[in-house]
Structures are given as structure tokens and as C-alpha cells.
Amino acid sequence: MRPMTSRPQPDPSRGIFETMLTVRGEPVARDAHLSRLEASLEAVYGVGLPARTRQLVTEHAEGLELGRVRLTFVPGGGVEVERGEIERALHFPEGPISLCVHRVAGGLGCHKWADRSALPASPPSEAALLVDGDDALEADRANVFAVRKGALFTPPLDGRILPGVTRAAVLELAGAEGIEASERTLTLAELRESEEVFLTNSIRGIESVGSIDGAPLPAEKPLTHTLAGALRGQWGLAKREPAPAS
């Protein structure tokens, strides 16, 4: 039996949020994002999705060639909507990022809290890897995947991590690509010994991980590249052209 842990308690009065990518004015995976938001609102506040939320997403996505729409539900205040273009350098970033271990007893749970005070501030080239005991859970802004002996693994939805929309999409794409994929507990030691590690995020797409706490991972990442290409295709994005030779 897993020992009891004390999870950091966010301030629920600051709300729950959801952010989705928009491509050529169309929100990506809108229904999946709204379903997750609605499930959280019912579980935390006992309310349903406010009326016109779907319409608000559609209206705010209009005119965004490559952007994001963020919904924040604040108790007593309804849904606040923000929109904006995103930096292309942060979207399917070409260079690998670094993970830095950050221990969070019990993880952050399955809701996307607006209160992020339990997390460290990270520059775009880094992310915090949340670890509970020996278990690697997720990053501060994304779900985590590992490739070991040619197979794909990601931590299970056991209440300690966010049920990522892009996480689910990548598991489906792996099956379509003939890649063996499963959900199981990954220890920090296993993650450090993996052939490939990458993150999935609804705005950034797939981010390759180059190191964990300064220890480098293998440079070759064939499955990461395969799945990134498949996800870009699913999202209706053109394949990125190779960088010109210097």
C-alpha cells in the first residue's frame, strides 16, 4: 500500500483554468478541454460549465493564426477569457529542455489550479519535474513520457497528475504508429535511465528533454520525432522545414 502523503493545498478561490491552442482560428481539442474543465468544476465547486462557454471559446479563437485561448473559472465570478498569439519558438520547440527535480508530496492532483504557488518559477528552457517519493509524476506545465527498450511509458492517472488532453492524444497516436505504449508508475531512476524523455503540453506540443538535474539523456530521439510529426499533423500544422545549413 502506498504511504499517505500530504498534498500541497492550492487556494480554490483563485479558480481553475484551461488553455487551448488555436490554429487558423479553430480551437484544437476544444471538446476535450471543456470536458476536463467541466469535470473539475463539478468536483471542486459543485457547479456545471457556465452557459455560452463553448461560444466564448469559438469567438475568442477567431482571427488567431497560431494562438491560445485561456478560460479561468473564478468562484462567484463566472468564466474569464483571455486570448493571444503565441511565440512560435515555444511551439514544438526545436531544442531540448532541462528538467529539474522538485519534490511535491502527493503531486498536484487532477485539477488545473490557477494557484501555482507550490511550483517554482522556470525559464522557457527548463521545467520542474514533480516527484513524489521515488515516483516521477509530471512536469510543472506538462505530462511526461519515457521511452525504454523501444516502448513508450507515461505515469498513470492515479489522482496525482493532470489528465492531460495532449497526453491522451499522444497515447492514441502511438497506437496508430504501431508504438507499444502503456501507463505505469515510473521511478525517477527509470526516467534518468530512459532512451528518450519528452513532455506533452496543449500549447507547446511535444518538448524533447535533454537532461535531468544536469545529467544528459541520449541525443537521438526517433520516437519523440515520430510522435511530434504525428501530433503536428493531427493539429493541422505544416511540417517544420529543416533549418538551413550555416
Protein backbone atom coordinates (compact mmCIF):
# COMPACT_ATOMS: atom_id res chain seq x y z
CA MET A 1 0.00 0.00 0.00
CA ARG A 2 1.29 3.46 -0.89
CA PRO A 3 2.07 5.55 2.21
CA MET A 4 -0.16 8.53 2.91
CA THR A 5 1.20 11.81 1.64
CA SER A 6 0.25 15.43 2.25
CA ARG A 7 -0.54 17.23 -0.98
CA PRO A 8 0.02 21.00 -1.23
CA GLN A 9 -3.35 22.68 -0.95
CA PRO A 10 -3.96 25.38 -3.59
CA ASP A 11 -6.29 28.27 -2.91
CA PRO A 12 -9.56 27.23 -4.63
CA SER A 13 -10.83 30.83 -4.51
CA ARG A 14 -8.35 31.65 -7.30
CA GLY A 15 -10.14 29.24 -9.59
CA ILE A 16 -9.40 26.57 -12.17
CA PHE A 17 -8.20 27.30 -15.69
CA GLU A 18 -7.97 25.66 -19.09
CA THR A 19 -5.83 26.73 -22.04
CA MET A 20 -6.21 25.52 -25.59
CA LEU A 21 -4.30 26.06 -28.81
CA THR A 22 -5.92 27.78 -31.78
CA VAL A 23 -4.80 27.11 -35.35
CA ARG A 24 -6.16 29.34 -38.13
CA GLY A 25 -8.98 30.49 -35.87
CA GLU A 26 -10.01 26.99 -34.78
CA PRO A 27 -9.60 25.80 -31.17
CA VAL A 28 -7.72 22.48 -31.01
CA ALA A 29 -9.40 19.68 -29.00
CA ARG A 30 -12.00 22.13 -27.69
CA ASP A 31 -14.47 19.47 -26.53
CA ALA A 32 -11.81 17.52 -24.62
CA HIS A 33 -10.62 20.68 -22.86
CA LEU A 34 -14.14 21.75 -21.93
CA SER A 35 -15.00 18.27 -20.69
CA ARG A 36 -11.98 18.33 -18.38
CA LEU A 37 -12.86 21.81 -17.13
CA GLU A 38 -16.46 20.79 -16.50
CA ALA A 39 -15.39 17.68 -14.56
CA SER A 40 -13.16 19.83 -12.34
CA LEU A 41 -15.87 22.42 -11.72
CA GLU A 42 -18.34 19.74 -10.68
CA ALA A 43 -15.80 18.01 -8.41
CA VAL A 44 -14.43 21.14 -6.72
CA TYR A 45 -17.30 23.64 -6.71
CA GLY A 46 -20.36 21.50 -7.43
CA VAL A 47 -21.32 23.58 -10.49
CA GLY A 48 -21.60 22.90 -14.18
CA LEU A 49 -19.92 24.63 -17.10
CA PRO A 50 -21.31 28.17 -17.38
CA ALA A 51 -23.63 28.87 -20.30
CA ARG A 52 -22.05 30.19 -23.50
CA THR A 53 -18.58 28.87 -22.57
CA ARG A 54 -18.31 26.94 -25.83
CA GLN A 55 -19.42 30.00 -27.79
CA LEU A 56 -16.93 32.22 -25.95
CA VAL A 57 -14.09 29.89 -26.95
CA THR A 58 -15.16 29.98 -30.60
CA GLU A 59 -15.48 33.77 -30.60
CA HIS A 60 -12.09 34.36 -28.95
CA ALA A 61 -10.34 31.91 -31.27
CA GLU A 62 -11.39 33.83 -34.37
CA GLY A 63 -8.53 35.55 -36.17
CA LEU A 64 -5.75 33.76 -34.26
CA GLU A 65 -3.46 32.13 -36.81
CA LEU A 66 -1.44 30.43 -34.06
CA GLY A 67 -2.56 31.40 -30.59
CA ARG A 68 -4.22 30.38 -27.39
CA VAL A 69 -7.48 30.88 -25.56
CA ARG A 70 -7.41 30.64 -21.79
CA LEU A 71 -10.52 30.16 -19.66
CA THR A 72 -10.38 30.77 -15.92
CA PHE A 73 -13.36 29.91 -13.74
CA VAL A 74 -13.42 32.03 -10.59
CA PRO A 75 -16.00 31.13 -7.93
CA GLY A 76 -18.72 33.73 -7.90
CA GLY A 77 -17.30 35.45 -10.97
CA GLY A 78 -18.03 33.06 -13.82
CA VAL A 79 -15.54 32.49 -16.63
CA GLU A 80 -12.82 34.95 -17.58
CA VAL A 81 -11.44 34.62 -21.11
CA GLU A 82 -8.04 35.68 -22.42
CA ARG A 83 -6.64 35.27 -25.92
CA GLY A 84 -3.40 35.99 -27.70
CA GLU A 85 -0.80 34.88 -30.21
CA ILE A 86 1.92 32.53 -29.00
CA GLU A 87 5.63 32.68 -29.65
CA ARG A 88 6.46 30.23 -32.41
CA ALA A 89 9.75 29.40 -30.70
CA LEU A 90 7.78 27.92 -27.78
CA HIS A 91 5.58 25.80 -30.05
CA PHE A 92 7.15 22.36 -30.71
CA PRO A 93 10.50 23.86 -29.64
CA GLU A 94 13.46 22.64 -31.64
CA GLY A 95 15.99 22.48 -28.80
CA PRO A 96 15.73 20.11 -25.82
CA ILE A 97 14.80 21.43 -22.40
CA SER A 98 16.22 20.61 -18.97
CA LEU A 99 14.22 19.09 -16.12
CA CYS A 100 14.98 19.97 -12.50
CA VAL A 101 13.60 17.71 -9.77
CA HIS A 102 11.03 19.35 -7.49
CA ARG A 103 9.54 17.17 -4.77
CA VAL A 104 5.81 17.54 -4.14
CA ALA A 105 4.27 15.07 -1.70
CA GLY A 106 1.18 13.56 -3.29
CA GLY A 107 1.60 15.52 -6.51
CA LEU A 108 -0.60 18.43 -7.53
CA GLY A 109 -3.69 16.34 -8.24
CA CYS A 110 -6.01 16.17 -11.23
CA HIS A 111 -7.24 19.78 -11.43
CA LYS A 112 -5.58 22.69 -13.22
CA TRP A 113 -5.45 25.17 -10.37
CA ALA A 114 -4.94 28.86 -11.06
CA ASP A 115 -2.95 28.98 -7.81
CA ARG A 116 0.54 27.83 -8.88
CA SER A 117 2.35 28.94 -5.73
CA ALA A 118 3.56 25.39 -4.97
CA LEU A 119 5.63 25.44 -8.16
CA PRO A 120 8.99 27.09 -8.77
CA ALA A 121 9.41 29.69 -11.49
CA SER A 122 11.14 28.17 -14.53
CA PRO A 123 12.55 29.81 -17.67
CA PRO A 124 11.28 28.53 -21.05
CA SER A 125 14.34 26.28 -21.44
CA GLU A 126 13.65 24.48 -18.15
CA ALA A 127 10.78 22.78 -16.37
CA ALA A 128 10.27 21.39 -12.89
CA LEU A 129 9.91 17.61 -12.72
CA LEU A 130 7.45 16.82 -9.93
CA VAL A 131 8.49 13.81 -7.88
CA ASP A 132 6.57 12.06 -5.10
CA GLY A 133 8.80 9.72 -3.12
CA ASP A 134 10.54 7.63 -5.79
CA ASP A 135 7.89 8.31 -8.44
CA ALA A 136 8.30 10.79 -11.29
CA LEU A 137 4.84 12.26 -11.90
CA GLU A 138 4.74 15.11 -14.42
CA ALA A 139 6.35 18.45 -15.16
CA ASP A 140 5.08 21.76 -13.82
CA ARG A 141 3.48 22.55 -17.18
CA ALA A 142 3.18 19.18 -18.93
CA ASN A 143 2.82 15.43 -18.74
CA VAL A 144 5.93 13.29 -19.06
CA PHE A 145 6.71 10.30 -21.30
CA ALA A 146 9.70 7.96 -21.38
CA VAL A 147 10.98 5.53 -23.98
CA ARG A 148 12.56 2.38 -22.57
CA LYS A 149 13.65 -0.55 -24.76
CA GLY A 150 11.69 0.93 -27.64
CA ALA A 151 8.39 1.13 -25.74
CA LEU A 152 6.57 4.24 -24.55
CA PHE A 153 5.55 4.78 -20.92
CA THR A 154 3.75 7.53 -19.02
CA PRO A 155 2.63 7.70 -15.36
CA PRO A 156 -0.95 6.55 -14.68
CA LEU A 157 -3.93 8.75 -13.87
CA ASP A 158 -3.91 7.84 -10.18
CA GLY A 159 -5.12 11.20 -8.86
CA ARG A 160 -1.63 12.69 -8.53
CA ILE A 161 -1.31 14.15 -12.03
CA LEU A 162 -3.33 16.18 -14.51
CA PRO A 163 -5.22 14.09 -17.08
CA GLY A 164 -3.61 15.90 -20.00
CA VAL A 165 -5.56 16.33 -23.21
CA THR A 166 -2.36 16.12 -25.28
CA ARG A 167 -1.19 13.17 -23.17
CA ALA A 168 -4.30 11.25 -24.26
CA ALA A 169 -3.81 12.29 -27.89
CA VAL A 170 -0.19 11.07 -27.91
CA LEU A 171 -1.18 7.69 -26.45
CA GLU A 172 -3.69 7.29 -29.29
CA LEU A 173 -1.16 8.41 -31.89
CA ALA A 174 1.40 5.94 -30.55
CA GLY A 175 -1.07 3.13 -31.12
CA ALA A 176 -1.73 4.33 -34.67
CA GLU A 177 2.03 4.43 -35.31
CA GLY A 178 2.49 0.88 -34.04
CA ILE A 179 4.43 2.03 -30.96
CA GLU A 180 3.91 -0.06 -27.83
CA ALA A 181 2.59 2.31 -25.15
CA SER A 182 1.39 1.84 -21.60
CA GLU A 183 0.58 3.72 -18.41
CA ARG A 184 2.57 2.69 -15.36
CA THR A 185 4.49 4.16 -12.46
CA LEU A 186 7.90 5.48 -13.48
CA THR A 187 10.57 5.94 -10.85
CA LEU A 188 12.97 8.84 -11.05
CA ALA A 189 15.81 6.34 -11.55
CA GLU A 190 13.99 4.75 -14.51
CA LEU A 191 13.35 8.14 -16.06
CA ARG A 192 17.02 9.04 -15.78
CA GLU A 193 17.98 5.76 -17.49
CA SER A 194 15.49 6.14 -20.36
CA GLU A 195 16.44 6.24 -24.03
CA GLU A 196 14.17 9.23 -24.62
CA VAL A 197 12.11 11.57 -22.42
CA PHE A 198 9.64 14.16 -23.66
CA LEU A 199 6.83 16.36 -22.37
CA THR A 200 3.36 16.94 -23.80
CA ASN A 201 1.51 20.22 -23.48
CA SER A 202 -1.54 21.60 -25.27
CA ILE A 203 0.26 24.77 -26.36
CA ARG A 204 3.89 23.67 -26.71
CA GLY A 205 3.06 20.30 -28.26
CA ILE A 206 5.92 17.86 -27.68
CA GLU A 207 9.12 19.04 -25.99
CA SER A 208 12.21 16.88 -26.04
CA VAL A 209 14.08 16.58 -22.73
CA GLY A 210 17.86 16.81 -22.94
CA SER A 211 18.82 16.42 -19.28
CA ILE A 212 17.51 15.76 -15.77
CA ASP A 213 19.21 17.67 -12.98
CA GLY A 214 22.13 18.28 -15.31
CA ALA A 215 22.63 14.61 -16.24
CA PRO A 216 22.36 14.33 -20.05
CA LEU A 217 20.00 11.97 -21.84
CA PRO A 218 20.78 10.31 -25.21
CA ALA A 219 20.76 12.80 -28.09
CA GLU A 220 18.98 10.52 -30.59
CA LYS A 221 15.21 10.69 -30.14
CA PRO A 222 13.50 8.84 -33.02
CA LEU A 223 10.18 8.09 -31.27
CA THR A 224 9.92 11.64 -30.00
CA HIS A 225 10.35 12.99 -33.53
CA THR A 226 7.86 10.49 -34.96
CA LEU A 227 5.18 11.39 -32.44
CA ALA A 228 5.83 15.13 -32.76
CA GLY A 229 5.27 14.86 -36.50
CA ALA A 230 2.07 12.87 -35.98
CA LEU A 231 0.76 15.39 -33.44
CA ARG A 232 1.52 18.32 -35.73
CA GLY A 233 -0.45 16.55 -38.46
CA GLN A 234 -3.40 15.94 -36.13
CA TRP A 235 -3.39 19.62 -35.18
CA GLY A 236 -3.38 20.72 -38.82
CA LEU A 237 0.11 22.18 -38.73
CA ALA A 238 2.53 22.10 -41.62
CA LYS A 239 5.69 20.09 -41.05
CA ARG A 240 8.51 22.37 -39.91
CA GLU A 241 11.17 22.82 -42.57
CA PRO A 242 14.73 21.84 -41.58
CA ALA A 243 16.97 24.70 -40.52
CA PRO A 244 19.18 25.98 -43.37
CA ALA A 245 22.81 24.95 -43.30
CA SER A 246 25.12 27.59 -41.86
